[in-house]
Amino acid sequence: MQNSFDGIGDNDLRFVYVPPGDNTVAISSLITDLNNKSHALDDTYIKKVKRIQETIYNHQEDDLKLKKMLDSAINDQRKQDELYFKKYQDQQTADISKMLNDTIIANAVQTYLDKNPKNISSIKSMYNQNLALTKIDSSENYLININNSCLSMDPASKVFSLKTCNTNSQNQRFTIHSIHDDVTFHQMYNEFPTLDKISQFPYNIVRSTVANYCLTDTKQGVSLSPCKSLEGQKWVGLRNTNNTCLNKN
C-alpha cells in the first residue's frame, strides 16, 4: 500500500489514499489519530511560542518599570544634592561675610585707637613686643612700665635707663603720636611718605617729652633712639589691659 501526505499550512487537511480492503477502517482510524496528534503538537507549539512571547513582553514591562524607578531615584538624589550644596554654599557665604564684618569692625576699632591715642593702657610693636603704660592724670603723657620700673630718658647725655616709676619725673614722660595720613607723617618726620610707608598707616609713635627720641623695638629688647620712620618704632595702642608691673612713688 502506498500513502502520500501533502501539507500546505498549519490548518491544511492532509489527504491519504487508502485502497479498498479488510484494513480500510483500521488504516483510516490510524490516519485520523495521526492527524489529531499533529494538530495537538501544533497547538502545543503555538501555546509555547505565545507563552515565551508573553514572558519576554512582561520582562520588557518590568525593565521599563525598573528604569522609571531608577530615573526617579536619581532625580530625587540630584535634588537632595543640590539642596545640600546650596545650603553648604549659603553657610559658607554667611561665615565669610561674618568673618569679613568682624575683620572690618576690628580694623575700624584699631584705626580709631591709633588715630585717637588717649587712655591707652598698653602698646604692641610690629614685632609683637607688648609693653604696659600708665596714664598720668590730667595730661597726655604716659609712663612706660618695664620689669617693675619705668623707662627714663636723660636729655643731656641722650642715655636711657630704667628708674623707679615717678609720675613727677619729666624724664619718664612719653607722648603718643598718631601717624595716619600724609600730614601727620610730615609733622613727625618733616618729609612725605612713600607708598610703602602709606600702606602701613595707621600706627603710633611713642616719643620722649624731653628729647626727640622714640621708643624702639630692636627685636632683642626695647631702647630709645632718634625718631625715624623705622619698623621698630611703629606701635599700636591697646586698651583695657591690666597694669601689674608699676610701682609708683
Protein backbone atom coordinates (compact mmCIF):
# COMPACT_ATOMS: atom_id res chain seq x y z
CA MET A 1 0.00 0.00 0.00
CA GLN A 2 1.31 3.45 -0.89
CA ASN A 3 0.38 6.51 1.24
CA SER A 4 1.01 10.15 0.37
CA PHE A 5 0.80 13.27 2.61
CA ASP A 6 0.57 16.76 1.17
CA GLY A 7 0.89 19.77 3.55
CA ILE A 8 0.11 23.29 2.61
CA GLY A 9 -0.18 25.07 6.02
CA ASP A 10 -0.79 24.72 9.75
CA ASN A 11 -4.51 24.18 9.26
CA ASP A 12 -4.37 22.34 5.90
CA LEU A 13 -6.14 19.00 5.55
CA ARG A 14 -3.95 16.02 4.90
CA PHE A 15 -5.16 13.51 2.29
CA VAL A 16 -4.27 9.82 2.29
CA TYR A 17 -5.31 7.36 -0.38
CA VAL A 18 -6.43 4.03 1.13
CA PRO A 19 -7.22 1.15 -1.31
CA PRO A 20 -10.33 -0.90 -0.52
CA GLY A 21 -9.84 -4.00 1.60
CA ASP A 22 -10.19 -5.51 5.03
CA ASN A 23 -7.84 -2.98 6.69
CA THR A 24 -9.59 0.14 5.48
CA VAL A 25 -11.20 1.01 8.83
CA ALA A 26 -8.04 0.40 10.83
CA ILE A 27 -5.93 2.48 8.49
CA SER A 28 -8.48 5.29 8.46
CA SER A 29 -8.51 5.27 12.25
CA LEU A 30 -4.72 5.40 12.32
CA ILE A 31 -4.66 8.32 9.94
CA THR A 32 -7.26 10.18 11.97
CA ASP A 33 -5.22 9.61 15.13
CA LEU A 34 -2.10 10.84 13.44
CA ASN A 35 -3.90 13.95 12.23
CA ASN A 36 -5.20 14.64 15.77
CA LYS A 37 -1.71 14.27 17.23
CA SER A 38 -0.34 16.56 14.56
CA HIS A 39 -2.89 19.23 15.41
CA ALA A 40 -2.18 18.76 19.12
CA LEU A 41 1.54 19.27 18.51
CA ASP A 42 0.76 22.39 16.50
CA ASP A 43 -1.39 23.76 19.34
CA THR A 44 1.31 22.97 21.90
CA TYR A 45 3.93 24.71 19.78
CA ILE A 46 1.75 27.76 19.29
CA LYS A 47 0.98 27.95 23.02
CA LYS A 48 4.67 27.69 23.95
CA VAL A 49 5.63 30.36 21.47
CA LYS A 50 2.87 32.59 22.81
CA ARG A 51 3.98 31.94 26.42
CA ILE A 52 7.57 32.80 25.54
CA GLN A 53 6.43 35.98 23.80
CA GLU A 54 4.29 36.96 26.80
CA THR A 55 7.19 36.27 29.18
CA ILE A 56 9.53 38.42 27.12
CA TYR A 57 6.91 41.15 26.92
CA ASN A 58 6.33 41.04 30.67
CA HIS A 59 10.08 41.30 31.28
CA GLN A 60 10.20 44.30 28.98
CA GLU A 61 7.48 45.93 31.05
CA ASP A 62 9.43 45.10 34.22
CA ASP A 63 12.55 46.66 32.69
CA LEU A 64 10.63 49.81 31.87
CA LYS A 65 9.25 49.98 35.41
CA LEU A 66 12.70 49.45 36.89
CA LYS A 67 14.16 52.12 34.62
CA LYS A 68 11.46 54.58 35.69
CA MET A 69 12.13 53.78 39.35
CA LEU A 70 15.88 54.23 38.85
CA ASP A 71 15.42 57.51 36.98
CA SER A 72 13.13 58.75 39.75
CA ALA A 73 15.66 57.76 42.45
CA ILE A 74 18.46 59.51 40.54
CA ASN A 75 16.37 62.67 40.18
CA ASP A 76 15.50 62.64 43.89
CA GLN A 77 19.16 62.21 44.84
CA ARG A 78 20.17 65.00 42.48
CA LYS A 79 17.62 67.33 44.07
CA GLN A 80 18.85 66.40 47.56
CA ASP A 81 22.45 67.00 46.48
CA GLU A 82 21.51 70.39 45.01
CA LEU A 83 19.71 71.38 48.21
CA TYR A 84 22.64 70.23 50.37
CA PHE A 85 25.16 72.06 48.15
CA LYS A 86 23.07 75.25 48.20
CA LYS A 87 22.75 75.04 51.99
CA TYR A 88 26.52 74.47 52.26
CA GLN A 89 27.21 77.44 49.95
CA ASP A 90 24.83 79.68 51.91
CA GLN A 91 26.54 78.70 55.17
CA GLN A 92 29.97 79.38 53.67
CA THR A 93 28.80 82.75 52.38
CA ALA A 94 27.39 83.62 55.80
CA ASP A 95 30.61 82.54 57.56
CA ILE A 96 32.78 84.54 55.14
CA SER A 97 30.51 87.56 55.48
CA LYS A 98 30.67 87.36 59.27
CA MET A 99 34.45 86.97 59.18
CA LEU A 100 34.80 89.98 56.88
CA ASN A 101 32.47 92.04 59.05
CA ASP A 102 34.40 91.06 62.18
CA THR A 103 37.67 91.96 60.45
CA ILE A 104 36.29 95.29 59.25
CA ILE A 105 35.00 96.11 62.74
CA ALA A 106 38.28 95.09 64.35
CA ASN A 107 40.26 97.18 61.87
CA ALA A 108 37.94 100.11 62.39
CA VAL A 109 38.34 99.89 66.17
CA GLN A 110 42.11 99.64 65.88
CA THR A 111 42.19 102.53 63.42
CA TYR A 112 40.17 104.61 65.87
CA LEU A 113 42.58 103.76 68.70
CA ASP A 114 45.60 104.61 66.55
CA LYS A 115 44.05 107.89 65.45
CA ASN A 116 42.92 108.73 68.98
CA PRO A 117 45.74 107.59 71.28
CA LYS A 118 44.10 108.55 74.56
CA ASN A 119 43.70 106.43 77.66
CA ILE A 120 45.69 103.59 76.11
CA SER A 121 46.76 101.00 78.67
CA SER A 122 49.34 99.11 76.60
CA ILE A 123 51.11 99.15 73.26
CA LYS A 124 52.32 96.46 70.85
CA SER A 125 55.11 96.81 68.30
CA MET A 126 55.15 95.50 64.74
CA TYR A 127 57.39 92.72 66.13
CA ASN A 128 54.73 91.80 68.76
CA GLN A 129 56.52 93.33 71.74
CA ASN A 130 53.93 94.27 74.39
CA LEU A 131 54.51 97.00 76.98
CA ALA A 132 52.24 98.32 79.72
CA LEU A 133 51.58 102.03 80.02
CA THR A 134 50.45 104.21 82.89
CA LYS A 135 48.42 107.31 82.03
CA ILE A 136 49.47 110.37 84.00
CA ASP A 137 46.35 112.16 85.26
CA SER A 138 45.27 115.42 83.61
CA SER A 139 47.85 115.16 80.82
CA GLU A 140 48.52 113.34 77.58
CA ASN A 141 51.68 111.77 78.98
CA TYR A 142 52.42 108.15 79.82
CA LEU A 143 54.92 106.14 81.81
CA ILE A 144 56.39 103.07 80.11
CA ASN A 145 56.46 100.14 82.55
CA ILE A 146 59.26 97.59 82.16
CA ASN A 147 60.21 94.98 84.81
CA ASN A 148 58.53 96.85 87.66
CA SER A 149 60.38 100.03 86.66
CA CYS A 150 59.84 102.84 84.20
CA LEU A 151 61.82 103.88 81.16
CA SER A 152 63.67 107.16 81.62
CA MET A 153 65.49 109.43 79.14
CA ASP A 154 68.34 111.77 80.14
CA PRO A 155 68.11 114.70 77.67
CA ALA A 156 71.66 115.86 78.35
CA SER A 157 73.51 112.58 77.84
CA LYS A 158 70.92 111.07 75.49
CA VAL A 159 71.12 107.92 77.58
CA PHE A 160 68.06 105.93 78.59
CA SER A 161 67.70 103.72 81.65
CA LEU A 162 65.17 102.08 83.95
CA LYS A 163 64.22 104.06 87.03
CA THR A 164 61.79 103.69 89.88
CA CYS A 165 58.47 104.87 88.49
CA ASN A 166 57.76 108.51 89.34
CA THR A 167 54.85 110.37 87.76
CA ASN A 168 56.53 113.70 88.61
CA SER A 169 59.68 112.90 86.64
CA GLN A 170 59.72 114.66 83.27
CA ASN A 171 62.38 112.24 82.01
CA GLN A 172 59.92 109.36 82.38
CA ARG A 173 57.15 111.02 80.44
CA PHE A 174 56.26 109.98 76.89
CA THR A 175 53.62 111.13 74.41
CA ILE A 176 51.85 109.01 71.82
CA HIS A 177 51.55 110.44 68.31
CA SER A 178 49.20 109.03 65.71
CA ILE A 179 50.59 108.59 62.20
CA HIS A 180 47.58 108.00 59.96
CA ASP A 181 47.98 110.23 56.87
CA ASP A 182 50.46 112.34 54.88
CA VAL A 183 50.00 115.34 57.17
CA THR A 184 50.73 113.55 60.46
CA PHE A 185 53.68 111.75 58.84
CA HIS A 186 55.15 115.05 57.62
CA GLN A 187 54.59 116.68 61.00
CA MET A 188 56.60 113.91 62.67
CA TYR A 189 59.46 113.43 60.18
CA ASN A 190 59.42 116.63 58.08
CA GLU A 191 59.17 114.57 54.89
CA PHE A 192 56.44 113.00 52.79
CA PRO A 193 55.75 109.26 52.97
CA THR A 194 56.36 106.77 50.17
CA LEU A 195 53.58 104.45 49.00
CA ASP A 196 55.14 101.64 51.04
CA LYS A 197 55.02 103.74 54.21
CA ILE A 198 51.46 104.87 53.47
CA SER A 199 50.38 101.22 53.27
CA GLN A 200 51.39 100.83 56.95
CA PHE A 201 49.04 103.56 58.23
CA PRO A 202 47.77 103.89 60.88
CA TYR A 203 50.26 103.37 63.70
CA ASN A 204 51.62 105.25 66.72
CA ILE A 205 54.96 106.75 67.65
CA VAL A 206 55.93 106.87 71.34
CA ARG A 207 58.22 109.87 71.87
CA SER A 208 60.03 111.20 74.89
CA THR A 209 58.85 114.60 76.13
CA VAL A 210 62.43 115.76 76.82
CA ALA A 211 64.18 114.68 73.58
CA ASN A 212 63.37 113.71 70.01
CA TYR A 213 63.89 110.06 70.88
CA CYS A 214 61.31 107.38 70.24
CA LEU A 215 60.58 104.01 71.78
CA THR A 216 62.13 101.32 69.56
CA ASP A 217 61.71 97.55 69.45
CA THR A 218 65.09 96.12 68.39
CA LYS A 219 63.81 92.51 68.40
CA GLN A 220 66.32 91.84 71.21
CA GLY A 221 64.65 94.33 73.55
CA VAL A 222 63.48 97.93 73.67
CA SER A 223 65.50 101.12 73.55
CA LEU A 224 65.20 104.84 72.87
CA SER A 225 66.66 106.06 69.58
CA PRO A 226 66.29 109.15 67.37
CA CYS A 227 62.80 109.29 65.89
CA LYS A 228 62.82 107.96 62.33
CA SER A 229 60.38 106.02 60.21
CA LEU A 230 61.65 102.67 61.47
CA GLU A 231 59.71 99.41 61.68
CA GLY A 232 60.66 99.04 65.34
CA GLN A 233 59.21 102.46 66.18
CA LYS A 234 55.72 101.65 64.95
CA TRP A 235 53.26 100.72 67.72
CA VAL A 236 49.56 100.04 68.01
CA GLY A 237 47.56 101.07 71.04
CA LEU A 238 45.52 98.72 73.21
CA ARG A 239 43.01 99.41 75.95
CA ASN A 240 41.60 97.58 78.97
CA THR A 241 44.87 95.81 79.78
CA ASN A 242 45.57 95.35 83.46
CA ASN A 243 48.75 97.02 84.57
CA THR A 244 50.54 94.76 87.08
CA CYS A 245 54.13 95.93 86.84
CA LEU A 246 54.02 99.54 88.06
CA ASN A 247 55.49 100.75 91.35
CA LYS A 248 54.74 104.40 91.95
CA ASN A 249 56.49 106.72 94.39
